[in-house]
Amino acid sequence: MAESAPTLPSDPFALPVKPQDDLKQRVIKGAAAADKLALKAAFTQRDRKLVNDDTELGTAIAKAYRGGGTRQVELVAADGSRITKFISPGGGAVCYRSASNNFSGGRDPFRDTGKLLVGPCP
């Protein structure tokens, strides 16, 4: 019997070998690179100007914009209820208040408690 030479185990610290791309993967990568290059070459300064050009609607919106945001003010009424006042940048205001706890006038205390009333500010 002939003895074969013992084989050494593979090196556990060696870097793994990258698998080679097959023909299909190389074609896909080449087509993607060609498409990217064609798009880069087709984009000119003339195209960039058309993208950033202001339209009539955009100009009107820019003129109508008033800077700032909506402000919120918390108030306490004379009867102790809280009123939240929202003031828009144009100066308009809307107030939200909770319905009073006075159950006169046929109000149902179980159904109508905690409702919010929206209206003009005092």
PDB file of N, CA and C in Angstrom:
ATOM      1  N   MET A   1       0.805  -1.165   0.000  1.00  0.00           N
ATOM      2  CA  MET A   1       0.000   0.000   0.000  1.00  0.00           C
ATOM      3  C   MET A   1       0.859   1.243   0.000  1.00  0.00           C
ATOM      4  N   ALA A   2       0.418   2.156  -0.818  1.00  0.00           N
ATOM      5  CA  ALA A   2       1.166   3.403  -0.888  1.00  0.00           C
ATOM      6  C   ALA A   2       0.465   4.455  -0.053  1.00  0.00           C
ATOM      7  N   GLU A   3       1.237   5.090   0.792  1.00  0.00           N
ATOM      8  CA  GLU A   3       0.650   6.137   1.617  1.00  0.00           C
ATOM      9  C   GLU A   3       0.713   7.463   0.881  1.00  0.00           C
ATOM     10  N   SER A   4      -0.425   8.206   0.987  1.00  0.00           N
ATOM     11  CA  SER A   4      -0.436   9.532   0.360  1.00  0.00           C
ATOM     12  C   SER A   4       0.070  10.550   1.370  1.00  0.00           C
ATOM     13  N   ALA A   5       0.581  11.625   0.881  1.00  0.00           N
ATOM     14  CA  ALA A   5       1.122  12.666   1.750  1.00  0.00           C
ATOM     15  C   ALA A   5      -0.034  13.335   2.502  1.00  0.00           C
ATOM     16  N   PRO A   6       0.129  13.591   3.786  1.00  0.00           N
ATOM     17  CA  PRO A   6      -0.950  14.231   4.540  1.00  0.00           C
ATOM     18  C   PRO A   6      -1.181  15.658   4.032  1.00  0.00           C
ATOM     19  N   THR A   7      -2.449  16.045   3.964  1.00  0.00           N
ATOM     20  CA  THR A   7      -2.790  17.411   3.516  1.00  0.00           C
ATOM     21  C   THR A   7      -3.001  18.287   4.740  1.00  0.00           C
ATOM     22  N   LEU A   8      -2.569  19.489   4.634  1.00  0.00           N
ATOM     23  CA  LEU A   8      -2.723  20.435   5.727  1.00  0.00           C
ATOM     24  C   LEU A   8      -4.106  21.089   5.649  1.00  0.00           C
ATOM     25  N   PRO A   9      -4.695  21.364   6.791  1.00  0.00           N
ATOM     26  CA  PRO A   9      -5.988  22.064   6.747  1.00  0.00           C
ATOM     27  C   PRO A   9      -5.801  23.487   6.211  1.00  0.00           C
ATOM     28  N   SER A  10      -6.881  24.039   5.645  1.00  0.00           N
ATOM     29  CA  SER A  10      -6.779  25.388   5.081  1.00  0.00           C
ATOM     30  C   SER A  10      -6.531  26.398   6.208  1.00  0.00           C
ATOM     31  N   ASP A  11      -5.910  27.500   5.869  1.00  0.00           N
ATOM     32  CA  ASP A  11      -5.547  28.526   6.830  1.00  0.00           C
ATOM     33  C   ASP A  11      -6.823  29.231   7.331  1.00  0.00           C
ATOM     34  N   PRO A  12      -7.126  29.177   8.625  1.00  0.00           N
ATOM     35  CA  PRO A  12      -8.353  29.821   9.120  1.00  0.00           C
ATOM     36  C   PRO A  12      -8.274  31.344   9.107  1.00  0.00           C
ATOM     37  N   PHE A  13      -7.086  31.916   9.003  1.00  0.00           N
ATOM     38  CA  PHE A  13      -6.929  33.367   9.010  1.00  0.00           C
ATOM     39  C   PHE A  13      -6.803  33.959   7.612  1.00  0.00           C
ATOM     40  N   ALA A  14      -6.873  33.122   6.600  1.00  0.00           N
ATOM     41  CA  ALA A  14      -6.745  33.613   5.229  1.00  0.00           C
ATOM     42  C   ALA A  14      -8.028  34.341   4.829  1.00  0.00           C
ATOM     43  N   LEU A  15      -7.910  35.385   4.007  1.00  0.00           N
ATOM     44  CA  LEU A  15      -9.070  36.117   3.508  1.00  0.00           C
ATOM     45  C   LEU A  15      -9.843  35.237   2.536  1.00  0.00           C
ATOM     46  N   PRO A  16     -11.160  35.299   2.560  1.00  0.00           N
ATOM     47  CA  PRO A  16     -11.926  34.481   1.622  1.00  0.00           C
ATOM     48  C   PRO A  16     -11.735  34.995   0.197  1.00  0.00           C
ATOM     49  N   VAL A  17     -11.781  34.114  -0.724  1.00  0.00           N
ATOM     50  CA  VAL A  17     -11.603  34.466  -2.126  1.00  0.00           C
ATOM     51  C   VAL A  17     -12.937  34.984  -2.652  1.00  0.00           C
ATOM     52  N   LYS A  18     -12.885  36.152  -3.324  1.00  0.00           N
ATOM     53  CA  LYS A  18     -14.102  36.709  -3.884  1.00  0.00           C
ATOM     54  C   LYS A  18     -14.532  35.857  -5.063  1.00  0.00           C
ATOM     55  N   PRO A  19     -15.835  35.534  -5.111  1.00  0.00           N
ATOM     56  CA  PRO A  19     -16.287  34.768  -6.262  1.00  0.00           C
ATOM     57  C   PRO A  19     -16.284  35.646  -7.512  1.00  0.00           C
ATOM     58  N   GLN A  20     -15.922  35.083  -8.616  1.00  0.00           N
ATOM     59  CA  GLN A  20     -15.893  35.812  -9.877  1.00  0.00           C
ATOM     60  C   GLN A  20     -17.312  35.961 -10.405  1.00  0.00           C
ATOM     61  N   ASP A  21     -17.623  37.148 -10.951  1.00  0.00           N
ATOM     62  CA  ASP A  21     -18.941  37.361 -11.538  1.00  0.00           C
ATOM     63  C   ASP A  21     -19.085  36.529 -12.798  1.00  0.00           C
ATOM     64  N   ASP A  22     -20.289  36.000 -12.990  1.00  0.00           N
ATOM     65  CA  ASP A  22     -20.530  35.273 -14.222  1.00  0.00           C
ATOM     66  C   ASP A  22     -20.844  36.281 -15.329  1.00  0.00           C
ATOM     67  N   LEU A  23     -21.056  35.809 -16.520  1.00  0.00           N
ATOM     68  CA  LEU A  23     -21.238  36.679 -17.674  1.00  0.00           C
ATOM     69  C   LEU A  23     -22.464  37.579 -17.503  1.00  0.00           C
ATOM     70  N   LYS A  24     -23.540  37.057 -16.948  1.00  0.00           N
ATOM     71  CA  LYS A  24     -24.773  37.830 -16.766  1.00  0.00           C
ATOM     72  C   LYS A  24     -24.530  39.013 -15.832  1.00  0.00           C
ATOM     73  N   GLN A  25     -23.853  38.777 -14.711  1.00  0.00           N
ATOM     74  CA  GLN A  25     -23.588  39.860 -13.763  1.00  0.00           C
ATOM     75  C   GLN A  25     -22.665  40.922 -14.354  1.00  0.00           C
ATOM     76  N   ARG A  26     -21.682  40.506 -15.133  1.00  0.00           N
ATOM     77  CA  ARG A  26     -20.785  41.482 -15.770  1.00  0.00           C
ATOM     78  C   ARG A  26     -21.538  42.342 -16.775  1.00  0.00           C
ATOM     79  N   VAL A  27     -22.478  41.738 -17.528  1.00  0.00           N
ATOM     80  CA  VAL A  27     -23.257  42.502 -18.501  1.00  0.00           C
ATOM     81  C   VAL A  27     -24.155  43.510 -17.790  1.00  0.00           C
ATOM     82  N   ILE A  28     -24.785  43.102 -16.685  1.00  0.00           N
ATOM     83  CA  ILE A  28     -25.654  44.017 -15.934  1.00  0.00           C
ATOM     84  C   ILE A  28     -24.851  45.193 -15.382  1.00  0.00           C
ATOM     85  N   LYS A  29     -23.686  44.926 -14.806  1.00  0.00           N
ATOM     86  CA  LYS A  29     -22.853  46.008 -14.277  1.00  0.00           C
ATOM     87  C   LYS A  29     -22.372  46.941 -15.385  1.00  0.00           C
ATOM     88  N   GLY A  30     -22.022  46.378 -16.537  1.00  0.00           N
ATOM     89  CA  GLY A  30     -21.587  47.206 -17.661  1.00  0.00           C
ATOM     90  C   GLY A  30     -22.717  48.078 -18.185  1.00  0.00           C
ATOM     91  N   ALA A  31     -23.933  47.528 -18.271  1.00  0.00           N
ATOM     92  CA  ALA A  31     -25.068  48.317 -18.747  1.00  0.00           C
ATOM     93  C   ALA A  31     -25.396  49.434 -17.772  1.00  0.00           C
ATOM     94  N   ALA A  32     -25.316  49.164 -16.467  1.00  0.00           N
ATOM     95  CA  ALA A  32     -25.583  50.189 -15.466  1.00  0.00           C
ATOM     96  C   ALA A  32     -24.548  51.311 -15.552  1.00  0.00           C
ATOM     97  N   ALA A  33     -23.298  50.954 -15.748  1.00  0.00           N
ATOM     98  CA  ALA A  33     -22.253  51.976 -15.864  1.00  0.00           C
ATOM     99  C   ALA A  33     -22.460  52.815 -17.129  1.00  0.00           C
ATOM    100  N   ALA A  34     -22.832  52.175 -18.236  1.00  0.00           N
ATOM    101  CA  ALA A  34     -23.066  52.900 -19.478  1.00  0.00           C
ATOM    102  C   ALA A  34     -24.272  53.830 -19.353  1.00  0.00           C
ATOM    103  N   ASP A  35     -25.342  53.376 -18.664  1.00  0.00           N
ATOM    104  CA  ASP A  35     -26.522  54.197 -18.463  1.00  0.00           C
ATOM    105  C   ASP A  35     -26.194  55.412 -17.603  1.00  0.00           C
ATOM    106  N   LYS A  36     -25.410  55.210 -16.568  1.00  0.00           N
ATOM    107  CA  LYS A  36     -25.017  56.305 -15.685  1.00  0.00           C
ATOM    108  C   LYS A  36     -24.196  57.340 -16.448  1.00  0.00           C
ATOM    109  N   LEU A  37     -23.295  56.877 -17.281  1.00  0.00           N
ATOM    110  CA  LEU A  37     -22.461  57.780 -18.068  1.00  0.00           C
ATOM    111  C   LEU A  37     -23.298  58.545 -19.084  1.00  0.00           C
ATOM    112  N   ALA A  38     -24.277  57.868 -19.712  1.00  0.00           N
ATOM    113  CA  ALA A  38     -25.127  58.535 -20.699  1.00  0.00           C
ATOM    114  C   ALA A  38     -26.001  59.600 -20.035  1.00  0.00           C
ATOM    115  N   LEU A  39     -26.544  59.318 -18.857  1.00  0.00           N
ATOM    116  CA  LEU A  39     -27.347  60.314 -18.157  1.00  0.00           C
ATOM    117  C   LEU A  39     -26.512  61.516 -17.730  1.00  0.00           C
ATOM    118  N   LYS A  40     -25.295  61.257 -17.318  1.00  0.00           N
ATOM    119  CA  LYS A  40     -24.412  62.347 -16.899  1.00  0.00           C
ATOM    120  C   LYS A  40     -24.063  63.239 -18.080  1.00  0.00           C
ATOM    121  N   ALA A  41     -23.851  62.643 -19.244  1.00  0.00           N
ATOM    122  CA  ALA A  41     -23.497  63.417 -20.425  1.00  0.00           C
ATOM    123  C   ALA A  41     -24.701  64.176 -20.979  1.00  0.00           C
ATOM    124  N   ALA A  42     -25.917  63.666 -20.791  1.00  0.00           N
ATOM    125  CA  ALA A  42     -27.104  64.298 -21.355  1.00  0.00           C
ATOM    126  C   ALA A  42     -27.567  65.488 -20.537  1.00  0.00           C
ATOM    127  N   PHE A  43     -27.221  65.574 -19.263  1.00  0.00           N
ATOM    128  CA  PHE A  43     -27.668  66.664 -18.405  1.00  0.00           C
ATOM    129  C   PHE A  43     -26.797  67.882 -18.659  1.00  0.00           C
ATOM    130  N   THR A  44     -27.384  68.925 -19.218  1.00  0.00           N
ATOM    131  CA  THR A  44     -26.616  70.122 -19.561  1.00  0.00           C
ATOM    132  C   THR A  44     -27.079  71.290 -18.699  1.00  0.00           C
ATOM    133  N   GLN A  45     -26.409  72.402 -18.837  1.00  0.00           N
ATOM    134  CA  GLN A  45     -26.774  73.605 -18.095  1.00  0.00           C
ATOM    135  C   GLN A  45     -28.148  74.099 -18.519  1.00  0.00           C
ATOM    136  N   ARG A  46     -28.522  73.904 -19.779  1.00  0.00           N
ATOM    137  CA  ARG A  46     -29.836  74.317 -20.266  1.00  0.00           C
ATOM    138  C   ARG A  46     -30.937  73.553 -19.521  1.00  0.00           C
ATOM    139  N   ASP A  47     -30.731  72.266 -19.296  1.00  0.00           N
ATOM    140  CA  ASP A  47     -31.710  71.469 -18.562  1.00  0.00           C
ATOM    141  C   ASP A  47     -31.813  71.946 -17.114  1.00  0.00           C
ATOM    142  N   ARG A  48     -30.707  72.294 -16.514  1.00  0.00           N
ATOM    143  CA  ARG A  48     -30.696  72.743 -15.132  1.00  0.00           C
ATOM    144  C   ARG A  48     -31.492  74.039 -14.984  1.00  0.00           C
ATOM    145  N   LYS A  49     -31.421  74.926 -15.981  1.00  0.00           N
ATOM    146  CA  LYS A  49     -32.146  76.184 -15.923  1.00  0.00           C
ATOM    147  C   LYS A  49     -33.646  75.929 -15.983  1.00  0.00           C
ATOM    148  N   LEU A  50     -34.089  74.980 -16.806  1.00  0.00           N
ATOM    149  CA  LEU A  50     -35.514  74.681 -16.903  1.00  0.00           C
ATOM    150  C   LEU A  50     -36.058  74.104 -15.607  1.00  0.00           C
ATOM    151  N   VAL A  51     -35.263  73.326 -14.910  1.00  0.00           N
ATOM    152  CA  VAL A  51     -35.713  72.734 -13.662  1.00  0.00           C
ATOM    153  C   VAL A  51     -35.899  73.803 -12.594  1.00  0.00           C
ATOM    154  N   ASN A  52     -35.023  74.783 -12.527  1.00  0.00           N
ATOM    155  CA  ASN A  52     -35.070  75.805 -11.486  1.00  0.00           C
ATOM    156  C   ASN A  52     -35.873  77.031 -11.886  1.00  0.00           C
ATOM    157  N   ASP A  53     -36.472  77.036 -13.074  1.00  0.00           N
ATOM    158  CA  ASP A  53     -37.225  78.188 -13.549  1.00  0.00           C
ATOM    159  C   ASP A  53     -38.487  78.361 -12.711  1.00  0.00           C
ATOM    160  N   ASP A  54     -38.806  79.588 -12.298  1.00  0.00           N
ATOM    161  CA  ASP A  54     -40.007  79.847 -11.500  1.00  0.00           C
ATOM    162  C   ASP A  54     -41.232  79.874 -12.401  1.00  0.00           C
ATOM    163  N   THR A  55     -42.294  79.226 -11.956  1.00  0.00           N
ATOM    164  CA  THR A  55     -43.552  79.258 -12.682  1.00  0.00           C
ATOM    165  C   THR A  55     -44.394  80.410 -12.166  1.00  0.00           C
ATOM    166  N   GLU A  56     -45.488  80.682 -12.839  1.00  0.00           N
ATOM    167  CA  GLU A  56     -46.378  81.763 -12.418  1.00  0.00           C
ATOM    168  C   GLU A  56     -47.007  81.432 -11.059  1.00  0.00           C
ATOM    169  N   LEU A  57     -47.375  80.167 -10.872  1.00  0.00           N
ATOM    170  CA  LEU A  57     -47.958  79.751  -9.601  1.00  0.00           C
ATOM    171  C   LEU A  57     -46.942  79.873  -8.465  1.00  0.00           C
ATOM    172  N   GLY A  58     -45.707  79.443  -8.711  1.00  0.00           N
ATOM    173  CA  GLY A  58     -44.674  79.537  -7.686  1.00  0.00           C
ATOM    174  C   GLY A  58     -44.392  80.975  -7.283  1.00  0.00           C
ATOM    175  N   THR A  59     -44.407  81.888  -8.253  1.00  0.00           N
ATOM    176  CA  THR A  59     -44.187  83.298  -7.954  1.00  0.00           C
ATOM    177  C   THR A  59     -45.332  83.858  -7.126  1.00  0.00           C
ATOM    178  N   ALA A  60     -46.580  83.472  -7.444  1.00  0.00           N
ATOM    179  CA  ALA A  60     -47.737  83.963  -6.696  1.00  0.00           C
ATOM    180  C   ALA A  60     -47.727  83.439  -5.259  1.00  0.00           C
ATOM    181  N   ILE A  61     -47.340  82.185  -5.082  1.00  0.00           N
ATOM    182  CA  ILE A  61     -47.265  81.619  -3.736  1.00  0.00           C
ATOM    183  C   ILE A  61     -46.191  82.328  -2.920  1.00  0.00           C
ATOM    184  N   ALA A  62     -45.054  82.621  -3.543  1.00  0.00           N
ATOM    185  CA  ALA A  62     -43.978  83.313  -2.839  1.00  0.00           C
ATOM    186  C   ALA A  62     -44.402  84.722  -2.422  1.00  0.00           C
ATOM    187  N   LYS A  63     -45.193  85.400  -3.261  1.00  0.00           N
ATOM    188  CA  LYS A  63     -45.656  86.743  -2.899  1.00  0.00           C
ATOM    189  C   LYS A  63     -46.677  86.700  -1.775  1.00  0.00           C
ATOM    190  N   ALA A  64     -47.499  85.646  -1.736  1.00  0.00           N
ATOM    191  CA  ALA A  64     -48.561  85.560  -0.736  1.00  0.00           C
ATOM    192  C   ALA A  64     -48.051  85.094   0.624  1.00  0.00           C
ATOM    193  N   TYR A  65     -46.879  84.519   0.674  1.00  0.00           N
ATOM    194  CA  TYR A  65     -46.369  83.964   1.932  1.00  0.00           C
ATOM    195  C   TYR A  65     -46.053  85.076   2.917  1.00  0.00           C
ATOM    196  N   ARG A  66     -46.540  84.928   4.127  1.00  0.00           N
ATOM    197  CA  ARG A  66     -46.181  85.839   5.207  1.00  0.00           C
ATOM    198  C   ARG A  66     -45.405  85.020   6.215  1.00  0.00           C
ATOM    199  N   GLY A  67     -44.240  85.462   6.531  1.00  0.00           N
ATOM    200  CA  GLY A  67     -43.345  84.691   7.384  1.00  0.00           C
ATOM    201  C   GLY A  67     -43.910  84.396   8.759  1.00  0.00           C
ATOM    202  N   GLY A  68     -43.327  83.406   9.382  1.00  0.00           N
ATOM    203  CA  GLY A  68     -43.736  83.045  10.720  1.00  0.00           C
ATOM    204  C   GLY A  68     -44.717  81.891  10.711  1.00  0.00           C
ATOM    205  N   GLY A  69     -45.051  81.431  11.880  1.00  0.00           N
ATOM    206  CA  GLY A  69     -45.971  80.316  12.007  1.00  0.00           C
ATOM    207  C   GLY A  69     -47.161  80.708  12.851  1.00  0.00           C
ATOM    208  N   THR A  70     -47.997  79.757  13.093  1.00  0.00           N
ATOM    209  CA  THR A  70     -49.178  79.978  13.911  1.00  0.00           C
ATOM    210  C   THR A  70     -48.771  80.039  15.383  1.00  0.00           C
ATOM    211  N   ARG A  71     -49.300  81.037  16.083  1.00  0.00           N
ATOM    212  CA  ARG A  71     -49.020  81.162  17.509  1.00  0.00           C
ATOM    213  C   ARG A  71     -50.193  80.608  18.301  1.00  0.00           C
ATOM    214  N   GLN A  72     -49.914  80.052  19.457  1.00  0.00           N
ATOM    215  CA  GLN A  72     -50.940  79.501  20.323  1.00  0.00           C
ATOM    216  C   GLN A  72     -50.865  80.218  21.671  1.00  0.00           C
ATOM    217  N   VAL A  73     -52.014  80.755  22.118  1.00  0.00           N
ATOM    218  CA  VAL A  73     -52.077  81.491  23.373  1.00  0.00           C
ATOM    219  C   VAL A  73     -53.128  80.823  24.255  1.00  0.00           C
ATOM    220  N   GLU A  74     -52.763  80.547  25.500  1.00  0.00           N
ATOM    221  CA  GLU A  74     -53.683  79.949  26.464  1.00  0.00           C
ATOM    222  C   GLU A  74     -54.254  81.065  27.345  1.00  0.00           C
ATOM    223  N   LEU A  75     -55.593  81.115  27.462  1.00  0.00           N
ATOM    224  CA  LEU A  75     -56.259  82.127  28.281  1.00  0.00           C
ATOM    225  C   LEU A  75     -57.164  81.432  29.289  1.00  0.00           C
ATOM    226  N   VAL A  76     -57.478  82.127  30.375  1.00  0.00           N
ATOM    227  CA  VAL A  76     -58.445  81.645  31.356  1.00  0.00           C
ATOM    228  C   VAL A  76     -59.575  82.656  31.405  1.00  0.00           C
ATOM    229  N   ALA A  77     -60.816  82.185  31.139  1.00  0.00           N
ATOM    230  CA  ALA A  77     -61.977  83.074  31.123  1.00  0.00           C
ATOM    231  C   ALA A  77     -62.386  83.436  32.545  1.00  0.00           C
ATOM    232  N   ALA A  78     -63.347  84.356  32.652  1.00  0.00           N
ATOM    233  CA  ALA A  78     -63.801  84.821  33.969  1.00  0.00           C
ATOM    234  C   ALA A  78     -64.460  83.695  34.762  1.00  0.00           C
ATOM    235  N   ASP A  79     -65.090  82.747  34.062  1.00  0.00           N
ATOM    236  CA  ASP A  79     -65.737  81.640  34.766  1.00  0.00           C
ATOM    237  C   ASP A  79     -64.776  80.508  35.093  1.00  0.00           C
ATOM    238  N   GLY A  80     -63.499  80.654  34.747  1.00  0.00           N
ATOM    239  CA  GLY A  80     -62.488  79.648  35.071  1.00  0.00           C
ATOM    240  C   GLY A  80     -62.223  78.648  33.966  1.00  0.00           C
ATOM    241  N   SER A  81     -62.958  78.730  32.867  1.00  0.00           N
ATOM    242  CA  SER A  81     -62.717  77.790  31.760  1.00  0.00           C
ATOM    243  C   SER A  81     -61.500  78.240  30.956  1.00  0.00           C
ATOM    244  N   ARG A  82     -60.859  77.273  30.324  1.00  0.00           N
ATOM    245  CA  ARG A  82     -59.647  77.570  29.542  1.00  0.00           C
ATOM    246  C   ARG A  82     -60.026  77.822  28.099  1.00  0.00           C
ATOM    247  N   ILE A  83     -59.373  78.790  27.512  1.00  0.00           N
ATOM    248  CA  ILE A  83     -59.582  79.136  26.100  1.00  0.00           C
ATOM    249  C   ILE A  83     -58.225  79.062  25.417  1.00  0.00           C
ATOM    250  N   THR A  84     -58.176  78.369  24.303  1.00  0.00           N
ATOM    251  CA  THR A  84     -56.954  78.301  23.504  1.00  0.00           C
ATOM    252  C   THR A  84     -57.168  79.130  22.254  1.00  0.00           C
ATOM    253  N   LYS A  85     -56.313  80.108  22.047  1.00  0.00           N
ATOM    254  CA  LYS A  85     -56.425  81.032  20.916  1.00  0.00           C
ATOM    255  C   LYS A  85     -55.291  80.756  19.938  1.00  0.00           C
ATOM    256  N   PHE A  86     -55.643  80.470  18.676  1.00  0.00           N
ATOM    257  CA  PHE A  86     -54.654  80.257  17.623  1.00  0.00           C
ATOM    258  C   PHE A  86     -54.647  81.479  16.723  1.00  0.00           C
ATOM    259  N   ILE A  87     -53.475  82.096  16.579  1.00  0.00           N
ATOM    260  CA  ILE A  87     -53.331  83.308  15.775  1.00  0.00           C
ATOM    261  C   ILE A  87     -52.503  82.952  14.540  1.00  0.00           C
ATOM    262  N   SER A  88     -53.087  83.142  13.355  1.00  0.00           N
ATOM    263  CA  SER A  88     -52.399  82.814  12.107  1.00  0.00           C
ATOM    264  C   SER A  88     -51.465  83.956  11.720  1.00  0.00           C
ATOM    265  N   PRO A  89     -50.532  83.728  10.792  1.00  0.00           N
ATOM    266  CA  PRO A  89     -49.599  84.788  10.393  1.00  0.00           C
ATOM    267  C   PRO A  89     -50.302  85.998   9.780  1.00  0.00           C
ATOM    268  N   GLY A  90     -51.477  85.807   9.174  1.00  0.00           N
ATOM    269  CA  GLY A  90     -52.206  86.932   8.589  1.00  0.00           C
ATOM    270  C   GLY A  90     -52.923  87.782   9.611  1.00  0.00           C
ATOM    271  N   GLY A  91     -53.017  87.336  10.864  1.00  0.00           N
ATOM    272  CA  GLY A  91     -53.668  88.109  11.909  1.00  0.00           C
ATOM    273  C   GLY A  91     -55.007  87.541  12.334  1.00  0.00           C
ATOM    274  N   GLY A  92     -55.560  86.589  11.603  1.00  0.00           N
ATOM    275  CA  GLY A  92     -56.824  85.979  11.983  1.00  0.00           C
ATOM    276  C   GLY A  92     -56.650  85.117  13.219  1.00  0.00           C
ATOM    277  N   ALA A  93     -57.727  84.988  13.988  1.00  0.00           N
ATOM    278  CA  ALA A  93     -57.642  84.219  15.224  1.00  0.00           C
ATOM    279  C   ALA A  93     -58.879  83.331  15.360  1.00  0.00           C
ATOM    280  N   VAL A  94     -58.674  82.143  15.906  1.00  0.00           N
ATOM    281  CA  VAL A  94     -59.744  81.197  16.189  1.00  0.00           C
ATOM    282  C   VAL A  94     -59.561  80.740  17.623  1.00  0.00           C
ATOM    283  N   CYS A  95     -60.672  80.664  18.361  1.00  0.00           N
ATOM    284  CA  CYS A  95     -60.602  80.236  19.752  1.00  0.00           C
ATOM    285  C   CYS A  95     -61.316  78.909  19.944  1.00  0.00           C
ATOM    286  N   TYR A  96     -60.719  78.062  20.761  1.00  0.00           N
ATOM    287  CA  TYR A  96     -61.302  76.780  21.153  1.00  0.00           C
ATOM    288  C   TYR A  96     -61.542  76.847  22.652  1.00  0.00           C
ATOM    289  N   ARG A  97     -62.775  76.558  23.065  1.00  0.00           N
ATOM    290  CA  ARG A  97     -63.093  76.547  24.489  1.00  0.00           C
ATOM    291  C   ARG A  97     -63.952  75.334  24.770  1.00  0.00           C
ATOM    292  N   SER A  98     -63.902  74.864  25.993  1.00  0.00           N
ATOM    293  CA  SER A  98     -64.741  73.737  26.360  1.00  0.00           C
ATOM    294  C   SER A  98     -66.125  74.253  26.721  1.00  0.00           C
ATOM    295  N   ALA A  99     -67.135  73.424  26.471  1.00  0.00           N
ATOM    296  CA  ALA A  99     -68.505  73.808  26.784  1.00  0.00           C
ATOM    297  C   ALA A  99     -68.637  73.963  28.292  1.00  0.00           C
ATOM    298  N   SER A 100     -69.481  74.897  28.705  1.00  0.00           N
ATOM    299  CA  SER A 100     -69.617  75.151  30.138  1.00  0.00           C
ATOM    300  C   SER A 100     -70.280  73.968  30.834  1.00  0.00           C
ATOM    301  N   ASN A 101     -70.077  73.874  32.116  1.00  0.00           N
ATOM    302  CA  ASN A 101     -70.658  72.790  32.894  1.00  0.00           C
ATOM    303  C   ASN A 101     -72.057  73.122  33.400  1.00  0.00           C
ATOM    304  N   ASN A 102     -72.616  74.240  32.971  1.00  0.00           N
ATOM    305  CA  ASN A 102     -73.958  74.633  33.348  1.00  0.00           C
ATOM    306  C   ASN A 102     -74.933  73.817  32.506  1.00  0.00           C
ATOM    307  N   PHE A 103     -75.681  72.927  33.125  1.00  0.00           N
ATOM    308  CA  PHE A 103     -76.524  72.010  32.367  1.00  0.00           C
ATOM    309  C   PHE A 103     -77.956  72.507  32.260  1.00  0.00           C
ATOM    310  N   SER A 104     -78.128  73.809  32.275  1.00  0.00           N
ATOM    311  CA  SER A 104     -79.475  74.338  32.076  1.00  0.00           C
ATOM    312  C   SER A 104     -79.767  74.392  30.578  1.00  0.00           C
ATOM    313  N   GLY A 105     -81.012  74.498  30.246  1.00  0.00           N
ATOM    314  CA  GLY A 105     -81.372  74.601  28.841  1.00  0.00           C
ATOM    315  C   GLY A 105     -81.516  73.264  28.167  1.00  0.00           C
ATOM    316  N   GLY A 106     -81.725  72.191  28.918  1.00  0.00           N
ATOM    317  CA  GLY A 106     -81.992  70.893  28.312  1.00  0.00           C
ATOM    318  C   GLY A 106     -80.755  70.140  27.858  1.00  0.00           C
ATOM    319  N   ARG A 107     -79.560  70.523  28.321  1.00  0.00           N
ATOM    320  CA  ARG A 107     -78.348  69.800  27.913  1.00  0.00           C
ATOM    321  C   ARG A 107     -78.240  68.516  28.723  1.00  0.00           C
ATOM    322  N   ASP A 108     -77.767  67.491  28.098  1.00  0.00           N
ATOM    323  CA  ASP A 108     -77.579  66.187  28.751  1.00  0.00           C
ATOM    324  C   ASP A 108     -76.171  66.148  29.341  1.00  0.00           C
ATOM    325  N   PRO A 109     -75.995  66.009  30.658  1.00  0.00           N
ATOM    326  CA  PRO A 109     -74.653  66.034  31.251  1.00  0.00           C
ATOM    327  C   PRO A 109     -73.812  64.821  30.875  1.00  0.00           C
ATOM    328  N   PHE A 110     -74.442  63.736  30.478  1.00  0.00           N
ATOM    329  CA  PHE A 110     -73.669  62.548  30.129  1.00  0.00           C
ATOM    330  C   PHE A 110     -73.234  62.557  28.663  1.00  0.00           C
ATOM    331  N   ARG A 111     -73.987  63.210  27.827  1.00  0.00           N
ATOM    332  CA  ARG A 111     -73.662  63.236  26.405  1.00  0.00           C
ATOM    333  C   ARG A 111     -72.872  64.485  26.020  1.00  0.00           C
ATOM    334  N   ASP A 112     -73.116  65.606  26.637  1.00  0.00           N
ATOM    335  CA  ASP A 112     -72.545  66.882  26.200  1.00  0.00           C
ATOM    336  C   ASP A 112     -71.334  67.342  26.993  1.00  0.00           C
ATOM    337  N   THR A 113     -70.854  66.572  27.946  1.00  0.00           N
ATOM    338  CA  THR A 113     -69.726  66.993  28.756  1.00  0.00           C
ATOM    339  C   THR A 113     -68.426  66.890  27.952  1.00  0.00           C
ATOM    340  N   GLY A 114     -67.598  67.901  28.037  1.00  0.00           N
ATOM    341  CA  GLY A 114     -66.266  67.862  27.436  1.00  0.00           C
ATOM    342  C   GLY A 114     -66.221  68.224  25.967  1.00  0.00           C
ATOM    343  N   LYS A 115     -67.288  68.743  25.406  1.00  0.00           N
ATOM    344  CA  LYS A 115     -67.267  69.148  24.005  1.00  0.00           C
ATOM    345  C   LYS A 115     -66.467  70.429  23.830  1.00  0.00           C
ATOM    346  N   LEU A 116     -65.845  70.564  22.674  1.00  0.00           N
ATOM    347  CA  LEU A 116     -65.105  71.780  22.355  1.00  0.00           C
ATOM    348  C   LEU A 116     -65.958  72.671  21.476  1.00  0.00           C
ATOM    349  N   LEU A 117     -65.970  73.940  21.790  1.00  0.00           N
ATOM    350  CA  LEU A 117     -66.657  74.924  20.974  1.00  0.00           C
ATOM    351  C   LEU A 117     -65.622  75.733  20.222  1.00  0.00           C
ATOM    352  N   VAL A 118     -65.838  75.892  18.930  1.00  0.00           N
ATOM    353  CA  VAL A 118     -64.924  76.651  18.074  1.00  0.00           C
ATOM    354  C   VAL A 118     -65.646  77.900  17.625  1.00  0.00           C
ATOM    355  N   GLY A 119     -64.981  79.029  17.764  1.00  0.00           N
ATOM    356  CA  GLY A 119     -65.621  80.266  17.345  1.00  0.00           C
ATOM    357  C   GLY A 119     -64.665  81.434  17.374  1.00  0.00           C
ATOM    358  N   PRO A 120     -65.224  82.614  17.139  1.00  0.00           N
ATOM    359  CA  PRO A 120     -64.371  83.815  17.174  1.00  0.00           C
ATOM    360  C   PRO A 120     -63.909  84.112  18.593  1.00  0.00           C
ATOM    361  N   CYS A 121     -62.841  84.836  18.685  1.00  0.00           N
ATOM    362  CA  CYS A 121     -62.262  85.125  19.994  1.00  0.00           C
ATOM    363  C   CYS A 121     -62.916  86.358  20.585  1.00  0.00           C
ATOM    364  N   PRO A 122     -63.066  86.385  21.901  1.00  0.00           N
ATOM    365  CA  PRO A 122     -63.671  87.557  22.572  1.00  0.00           C
ATOM    366  C   PRO A 122     -62.726  88.728  22.570  1.00  0.00           C
TER     367      PRO A 122
END
